[in-house]
Amino acid sequence: MNNDRIMEKIVYLDELLFELKELAKINKKEFIKSNILTSAAENYLRKALQVVIDLAEDMVSKNRLRTLHIIL
């Protein structure tokens, strides 16, 4: 993974976080009543978490770190 690709992911993550901050400005009652708003927040959160996971996997791979497998 090259640095440009990592930066693209970080920029994308920043965009997702911006959208989440915009949703956070909405009145709580209005937000909860709206399926569109709650779905948008869920979607942005899911995408942001996936970017964070991808970045972590890239760091593990790039630095040849071991992964820890936890059995629950």
PDB file of N, CA and C in Angstrom:
ATOM      1  N   MET A   1       0.862  -1.181   0.000  1.00  0.00           N
ATOM      2  CA  MET A   1       0.000   0.000   0.000  1.00  0.00           C
ATOM      3  C   MET A   1       0.898   1.230   0.000  1.00  0.00           C
ATOM      4  N   ASN A   2       0.663   2.108  -0.948  1.00  0.00           N
ATOM      5  CA  ASN A   2       1.491   3.305  -1.015  1.00  0.00           C
ATOM      6  C   ASN A   2       0.871   4.453  -0.214  1.00  0.00           C
ATOM      7  N   ASN A   3       1.686   5.468   0.001  1.00  0.00           N
ATOM      8  CA  ASN A   3       1.252   6.601   0.830  1.00  0.00           C
ATOM      9  C   ASN A   3       0.092   7.367   0.217  1.00  0.00           C
ATOM     10  N   ASP A   4       0.034   7.433  -1.121  1.00  0.00           N
ATOM     11  CA  ASP A   4      -1.075   8.141  -1.766  1.00  0.00           C
ATOM     12  C   ASP A   4      -2.404   7.455  -1.465  1.00  0.00           C
ATOM     13  N   ARG A   5      -2.397   6.138  -1.522  1.00  0.00           N
ATOM     14  CA  ARG A   5      -3.625   5.386  -1.243  1.00  0.00           C
ATOM     15  C   ARG A   5      -4.038   5.553   0.222  1.00  0.00           C
ATOM     16  N   ILE A   6      -3.087   5.575   1.111  1.00  0.00           N
ATOM     17  CA  ILE A   6      -3.382   5.798   2.528  1.00  0.00           C
ATOM     18  C   ILE A   6      -3.986   7.190   2.725  1.00  0.00           C
ATOM     19  N   MET A   7      -3.405   8.178   2.078  1.00  0.00           N
ATOM     20  CA  MET A   7      -3.934   9.547   2.187  1.00  0.00           C
ATOM     21  C   MET A   7      -5.349   9.643   1.619  1.00  0.00           C
ATOM     22  N   GLU A   8      -5.625   8.925   0.529  1.00  0.00           N
ATOM     23  CA  GLU A   8      -6.975   8.915  -0.035  1.00  0.00           C
ATOM     24  C   GLU A   8      -7.970   8.375   0.987  1.00  0.00           C
ATOM     25  N   LYS A   9      -7.578   7.320   1.672  1.00  0.00           N
ATOM     26  CA  LYS A   9      -8.454   6.742   2.686  1.00  0.00           C
ATOM     27  C   LYS A   9      -8.667   7.709   3.850  1.00  0.00           C
ATOM     28  N   ILE A  10      -7.622   8.400   4.242  1.00  0.00           N
ATOM     29  CA  ILE A  10      -7.736   9.360   5.346  1.00  0.00           C
ATOM     30  C   ILE A  10      -8.625  10.532   4.950  1.00  0.00           C
ATOM     31  N   VAL A  11      -8.483  11.003   3.728  1.00  0.00           N
ATOM     32  CA  VAL A  11      -9.341  12.092   3.237  1.00  0.00           C
ATOM     33  C   VAL A  11     -10.798  11.631   3.207  1.00  0.00           C
ATOM     34  N   TYR A  12     -11.028  10.416   2.730  1.00  0.00           N
ATOM     35  CA  TYR A  12     -12.382   9.868   2.687  1.00  0.00           C
ATOM     36  C   TYR A  12     -12.956   9.744   4.103  1.00  0.00           C
ATOM     37  N   LEU A  13     -12.143   9.283   5.029  1.00  0.00           N
ATOM     38  CA  LEU A  13     -12.574   9.185   6.423  1.00  0.00           C
ATOM     39  C   LEU A  13     -12.945  10.562   6.967  1.00  0.00           C
ATOM     40  N   ASP A  14     -12.154  11.567   6.654  1.00  0.00           N
ATOM     41  CA  ASP A  14     -12.437  12.931   7.087  1.00  0.00           C
ATOM     42  C   ASP A  14     -13.778  13.411   6.526  1.00  0.00           C
ATOM     43  N   GLU A  15     -14.065  13.078   5.274  1.00  0.00           N
ATOM     44  CA  GLU A  15     -15.349  13.456   4.662  1.00  0.00           C
ATOM     45  C   GLU A  15     -16.517  12.774   5.376  1.00  0.00           C
ATOM     46  N   LEU A  16     -16.348  11.510   5.688  1.00  0.00           N
ATOM     47  CA  LEU A  16     -17.399  10.783   6.403  1.00  0.00           C
ATOM     48  C   LEU A  16     -17.635  11.374   7.789  1.00  0.00           C
ATOM     49  N   LEU A  17     -16.560  11.716   8.476  1.00  0.00           N
ATOM     50  CA  LEU A  17     -16.689  12.313   9.812  1.00  0.00           C
ATOM     51  C   LEU A  17     -17.358  13.684   9.734  1.00  0.00           C
ATOM     52  N   PHE A  18     -17.076  14.438   8.678  1.00  0.00           N
ATOM     53  CA  PHE A  18     -17.735  15.728   8.488  1.00  0.00           C
ATOM     54  C   PHE A  18     -19.245  15.524   8.371  1.00  0.00           C
ATOM     55  N   GLU A  19     -19.655  14.542   7.571  1.00  0.00           N
ATOM     56  CA  GLU A  19     -21.087  14.278   7.396  1.00  0.00           C
ATOM     57  C   GLU A  19     -21.736  13.854   8.716  1.00  0.00           C
ATOM     58  N   LEU A  20     -21.040  13.061   9.486  1.00  0.00           N
ATOM     59  CA  LEU A  20     -21.570  12.660  10.792  1.00  0.00           C
ATOM     60  C   LEU A  20     -21.714  13.857  11.728  1.00  0.00           C
ATOM     61  N   LYS A  21     -20.755  14.774  11.677  1.00  0.00           N
ATOM     62  CA  LYS A  21     -20.842  15.980  12.512  1.00  0.00           C
ATOM     63  C   LYS A  21     -22.021  16.848  12.090  1.00  0.00           C
ATOM     64  N   GLU A  22     -22.294  16.879  10.795  1.00  0.00           N
ATOM     65  CA  GLU A  22     -23.452  17.634  10.306  1.00  0.00           C
ATOM     66  C   GLU A  22     -24.747  16.999  10.823  1.00  0.00           C
ATOM     67  N   LEU A  23     -24.813  15.684  10.802  1.00  0.00           N
ATOM     68  CA  LEU A  23     -26.000  15.000  11.322  1.00  0.00           C
ATOM     69  C   LEU A  23     -26.156  15.217  12.820  1.00  0.00           C
ATOM     70  N   ALA A  24     -25.042  15.354  13.518  1.00  0.00           N
ATOM     71  CA  ALA A  24     -25.087  15.564  14.968  1.00  0.00           C
ATOM     72  C   ALA A  24     -25.703  16.911  15.330  1.00  0.00           C
ATOM     73  N   LYS A  25     -25.770  17.825  14.398  1.00  0.00           N
ATOM     74  CA  LYS A  25     -26.347  19.149  14.645  1.00  0.00           C
ATOM     75  C   LYS A  25     -27.878  19.131  14.627  1.00  0.00           C
ATOM     76  N   ILE A  26     -28.451  18.055  14.125  1.00  0.00           N
ATOM     77  CA  ILE A  26     -29.908  17.957  13.991  1.00  0.00           C
ATOM     78  C   ILE A  26     -30.530  17.667  15.353  1.00  0.00           C
ATOM     79  N   ASN A  27     -31.674  18.273  15.584  1.00  0.00           N
ATOM     80  CA  ASN A  27     -32.435  18.052  16.815  1.00  0.00           C
ATOM     81  C   ASN A  27     -32.645  16.558  17.034  1.00  0.00           C
ATOM     82  N   LYS A  28     -32.412  16.103  18.259  1.00  0.00           N
ATOM     83  CA  LYS A  28     -32.462  14.675  18.572  1.00  0.00           C
ATOM     84  C   LYS A  28     -33.813  14.048  18.226  1.00  0.00           C
ATOM     85  N   LYS A  29     -34.903  14.712  18.574  1.00  0.00           N
ATOM     86  CA  LYS A  29     -36.235  14.157  18.294  1.00  0.00           C
ATOM     87  C   LYS A  29     -36.471  14.031  16.792  1.00  0.00           C
ATOM     88  N   GLU A  30     -36.081  15.063  16.046  1.00  0.00           N
ATOM     89  CA  GLU A  30     -36.239  15.041  14.591  1.00  0.00           C
ATOM     90  C   GLU A  30     -35.385  13.925  13.979  1.00  0.00           C
ATOM     91  N   PHE A  31     -34.180  13.787  14.503  1.00  0.00           N
ATOM     92  CA  PHE A  31     -33.256  12.770  13.994  1.00  0.00           C
ATOM     93  C   PHE A  31     -33.828  11.369  14.212  1.00  0.00           C
ATOM     94  N   ILE A  32     -34.301  11.108  15.413  1.00  0.00           N
ATOM     95  CA  ILE A  32     -34.816   9.772  15.756  1.00  0.00           C
ATOM     96  C   ILE A  32     -36.069   9.439  14.951  1.00  0.00           C
ATOM     97  N   LYS A  33     -36.895  10.435  14.663  1.00  0.00           N
ATOM     98  CA  LYS A  33     -38.127  10.199  13.909  1.00  0.00           C
ATOM     99  C   LYS A  33     -37.873   9.912  12.429  1.00  0.00           C
ATOM    100  N   SER A  34     -36.727  10.312  11.926  1.00  0.00           N
ATOM    101  CA  SER A  34     -36.458  10.199  10.500  1.00  0.00           C
ATOM    102  C   SER A  34     -35.652   8.945  10.159  1.00  0.00           C
ATOM    103  N   ASN A  35     -36.288   8.042   9.422  1.00  0.00           N
ATOM    104  CA  ASN A  35     -35.574   6.851   8.960  1.00  0.00           C
ATOM    105  C   ASN A  35     -34.434   7.219   8.012  1.00  0.00           C
ATOM    106  N   ILE A  36     -34.629   8.256   7.249  1.00  0.00           N
ATOM    107  CA  ILE A  36     -33.590   8.674   6.301  1.00  0.00           C
ATOM    108  C   ILE A  36     -32.356   9.162   7.047  1.00  0.00           C
ATOM    109  N   LEU A  37     -32.556   9.991   8.058  1.00  0.00           N
ATOM    110  CA  LEU A  37     -31.419  10.529   8.806  1.00  0.00           C
ATOM    111  C   LEU A  37     -30.695   9.443   9.595  1.00  0.00           C
ATOM    112  N   THR A  38     -31.463   8.566  10.256  1.00  0.00           N
ATOM    113  CA  THR A  38     -30.811   7.502  11.033  1.00  0.00           C
ATOM    114  C   THR A  38     -30.095   6.522  10.108  1.00  0.00           C
ATOM    115  N   SER A  39     -30.677   6.245   8.953  1.00  0.00           N
ATOM    116  CA  SER A  39     -30.018   5.363   7.983  1.00  0.00           C
ATOM    117  C   SER A  39     -28.746   5.998   7.434  1.00  0.00           C
ATOM    118  N   ALA A  40     -28.794   7.299   7.201  1.00  0.00           N
ATOM    119  CA  ALA A  40     -27.602   8.000   6.719  1.00  0.00           C
ATOM    120  C   ALA A  40     -26.491   7.931   7.761  1.00  0.00           C
ATOM    121  N   ALA A  41     -26.836   8.162   9.011  1.00  0.00           N
ATOM    122  CA  ALA A  41     -25.835   8.102  10.080  1.00  0.00           C
ATOM    123  C   ALA A  41     -25.243   6.699  10.186  1.00  0.00           C
ATOM    124  N   GLU A  42     -26.099   5.696  10.122  1.00  0.00           N
ATOM    125  CA  GLU A  42     -25.625   4.310  10.185  1.00  0.00           C
ATOM    126  C   GLU A  42     -24.689   4.009   9.020  1.00  0.00           C
ATOM    127  N   ASN A  43     -25.041   4.465   7.840  1.00  0.00           N
ATOM    128  CA  ASN A  43     -24.225   4.242   6.653  1.00  0.00           C
ATOM    129  C   ASN A  43     -22.858   4.932   6.774  1.00  0.00           C
ATOM    130  N   TYR A  44     -22.872   6.190   7.209  1.00  0.00           N
ATOM    131  CA  TYR A  44     -21.605   6.912   7.379  1.00  0.00           C
ATOM    132  C   TYR A  44     -20.729   6.248   8.439  1.00  0.00           C
ATOM    133  N   LEU A  45     -21.340   5.806   9.530  1.00  0.00           N
ATOM    134  CA  LEU A  45     -20.584   5.114  10.580  1.00  0.00           C
ATOM    135  C   LEU A  45     -19.979   3.809  10.077  1.00  0.00           C
ATOM    136  N   ARG A  46     -20.779   3.045   9.342  1.00  0.00           N
ATOM    137  CA  ARG A  46     -20.301   1.771   8.810  1.00  0.00           C
ATOM    138  C   ARG A  46     -19.116   1.992   7.871  1.00  0.00           C
ATOM    139  N   LYS A  47     -19.254   2.975   6.992  1.00  0.00           N
ATOM    140  CA  LYS A  47     -18.172   3.270   6.051  1.00  0.00           C
ATOM    141  C   LYS A  47     -16.923   3.762   6.775  1.00  0.00           C
ATOM    142  N   ALA A  48     -17.102   4.613   7.781  1.00  0.00           N
ATOM    143  CA  ALA A  48     -15.957   5.138   8.536  1.00  0.00           C
ATOM    144  C   ALA A  48     -15.235   4.007   9.264  1.00  0.00           C
ATOM    145  N   LEU A  49     -15.992   3.122   9.876  1.00  0.00           N
ATOM    146  CA  LEU A  49     -15.380   1.990  10.571  1.00  0.00           C
ATOM    147  C   LEU A  49     -14.624   1.084   9.600  1.00  0.00           C
ATOM    148  N   GLN A  50     -15.174   0.889   8.407  1.00  0.00           N
ATOM    149  CA  GLN A  50     -14.497   0.056   7.430  1.00  0.00           C
ATOM    150  C   GLN A  50     -13.182   0.689   6.984  1.00  0.00           C
ATOM    151  N   VAL A  51     -13.168   2.000   6.826  1.00  0.00           N
ATOM    152  CA  VAL A  51     -11.922   2.690   6.458  1.00  0.00           C
ATOM    153  C   VAL A  51     -10.883   2.519   7.569  1.00  0.00           C
ATOM    154  N   VAL A  52     -11.297   2.663   8.819  1.00  0.00           N
ATOM    155  CA  VAL A  52     -10.372   2.496   9.944  1.00  0.00           C
ATOM    156  C   VAL A  52      -9.825   1.063   9.970  1.00  0.00           C
ATOM    157  N   ILE A  53     -10.692   0.099   9.762  1.00  0.00           N
ATOM    158  CA  ILE A  53     -10.246  -1.299   9.723  1.00  0.00           C
ATOM    159  C   ILE A  53      -9.273  -1.521   8.570  1.00  0.00           C
ATOM    160  N   ASP A  54      -9.590  -0.977   7.398  1.00  0.00           N
ATOM    161  CA  ASP A  54      -8.704  -1.107   6.237  1.00  0.00           C
ATOM    162  C   ASP A  54      -7.335  -0.493   6.515  1.00  0.00           C
ATOM    163  N   LEU A  55      -7.335   0.683   7.121  1.00  0.00           N
ATOM    164  CA  LEU A  55      -6.061   1.343   7.445  1.00  0.00           C
ATOM    165  C   LEU A  55      -5.256   0.509   8.447  1.00  0.00           C
ATOM    166  N   ALA A  56      -5.933  -0.054   9.440  1.00  0.00           N
ATOM    167  CA  ALA A  56      -5.237  -0.886  10.424  1.00  0.00           C
ATOM    168  C   ALA A  56      -4.653  -2.126   9.760  1.00  0.00           C
ATOM    169  N   GLU A  57      -5.424  -2.752   8.877  1.00  0.00           N
ATOM    170  CA  GLU A  57      -4.926  -3.927   8.161  1.00  0.00           C
ATOM    171  C   GLU A  57      -3.726  -3.564   7.288  1.00  0.00           C
ATOM    172  N   ASP A  58      -3.784  -2.401   6.660  1.00  0.00           N
ATOM    173  CA  ASP A  58      -2.658  -1.934   5.836  1.00  0.00           C
ATOM    174  C   ASP A  58      -1.405  -1.747   6.684  1.00  0.00           C
ATOM    175  N   MET A  59      -1.576  -1.185   7.880  1.00  0.00           N
ATOM    176  CA  MET A  59      -0.423  -0.969   8.758  1.00  0.00           C
ATOM    177  C   MET A  59       0.173  -2.290   9.222  1.00  0.00           C
ATOM    178  N   VAL A  60      -0.693  -3.239   9.552  1.00  0.00           N
ATOM    179  CA  VAL A  60      -0.217  -4.556   9.978  1.00  0.00           C
ATOM    180  C   VAL A  60       0.564  -5.207   8.844  1.00  0.00           C
ATOM    181  N   SER A  61       0.012  -5.134   7.645  1.00  0.00           N
ATOM    182  CA  SER A  61       0.665  -5.749   6.490  1.00  0.00           C
ATOM    183  C   SER A  61       1.971  -5.043   6.138  1.00  0.00           C
ATOM    184  N   LYS A  62       1.919  -3.721   6.071  1.00  0.00           N
ATOM    185  CA  LYS A  62       3.098  -2.945   5.674  1.00  0.00           C
ATOM    186  C   LYS A  62       4.253  -3.131   6.655  1.00  0.00           C
ATOM    187  N   ASN A  63       3.935  -3.220   7.930  1.00  0.00           N
ATOM    188  CA  ASN A  63       4.973  -3.359   8.956  1.00  0.00           C
ATOM    189  C   ASN A  63       5.235  -4.806   9.337  1.00  0.00           C
ATOM    190  N   ARG A  64       4.598  -5.712   8.610  1.00  0.00           N
ATOM    191  CA  ARG A  64       4.763  -7.156   8.842  1.00  0.00           C
ATOM    192  C   ARG A  64       4.554  -7.526  10.310  1.00  0.00           C
ATOM    193  N   LEU A  65       3.493  -6.975  10.854  1.00  0.00           N
ATOM    194  CA  LEU A  65       3.144  -7.261  12.241  1.00  0.00           C
ATOM    195  C   LEU A  65       2.280  -8.519  12.296  1.00  0.00           C
ATOM    196  N   ARG A  66       2.290  -9.159  13.430  1.00  0.00           N
ATOM    197  CA  ARG A  66       1.425 -10.315  13.612  1.00  0.00           C
ATOM    198  C   ARG A  66       0.023  -9.849  13.962  1.00  0.00           C
ATOM    199  N   THR A  67      -0.938 -10.634  13.585  1.00  0.00           N
ATOM    200  CA  THR A  67      -2.308 -10.349  14.003  1.00  0.00           C
ATOM    201  C   THR A  67      -2.635 -11.246  15.183  1.00  0.00           C
ATOM    202  N   LEU A  68      -3.489 -10.759  16.030  1.00  0.00           N
ATOM    203  CA  LEU A  68      -3.917 -11.497  17.216  1.00  0.00           C
ATOM    204  C   LEU A  68      -5.308 -12.036  16.948  1.00  0.00           C
ATOM    205  N   HIS A  69      -5.453 -13.328  17.022  1.00  0.00           N
ATOM    206  CA  HIS A  69      -6.757 -13.950  16.813  1.00  0.00           C
ATOM    207  C   HIS A  69      -7.352 -14.259  18.179  1.00  0.00           C
ATOM    208  N   ILE A  70      -8.492 -13.650  18.419  1.00  0.00           N
ATOM    209  CA  ILE A  70      -9.172 -13.840  19.702  1.00  0.00           C
ATOM    210  C   ILE A  70     -10.399 -14.704  19.477  1.00  0.00           C
ATOM    211  N   ILE A  71     -10.525 -15.726  20.258  1.00  0.00           N
ATOM    212  CA  ILE A  71     -11.696 -16.596  20.181  1.00  0.00           C
ATOM    213  C   ILE A  71     -12.638 -16.189  21.297  1.00  0.00           C
ATOM    214  N   LEU A  72     -13.838 -15.823  20.907  1.00  0.00           N
ATOM    215  CA  LEU A  72     -14.839 -15.408  21.896  1.00  0.00           C
ATOM    216  C   LEU A  72     -15.722 -16.555  22.269  1.00  0.00           C
TER     217      LEU A  72
END
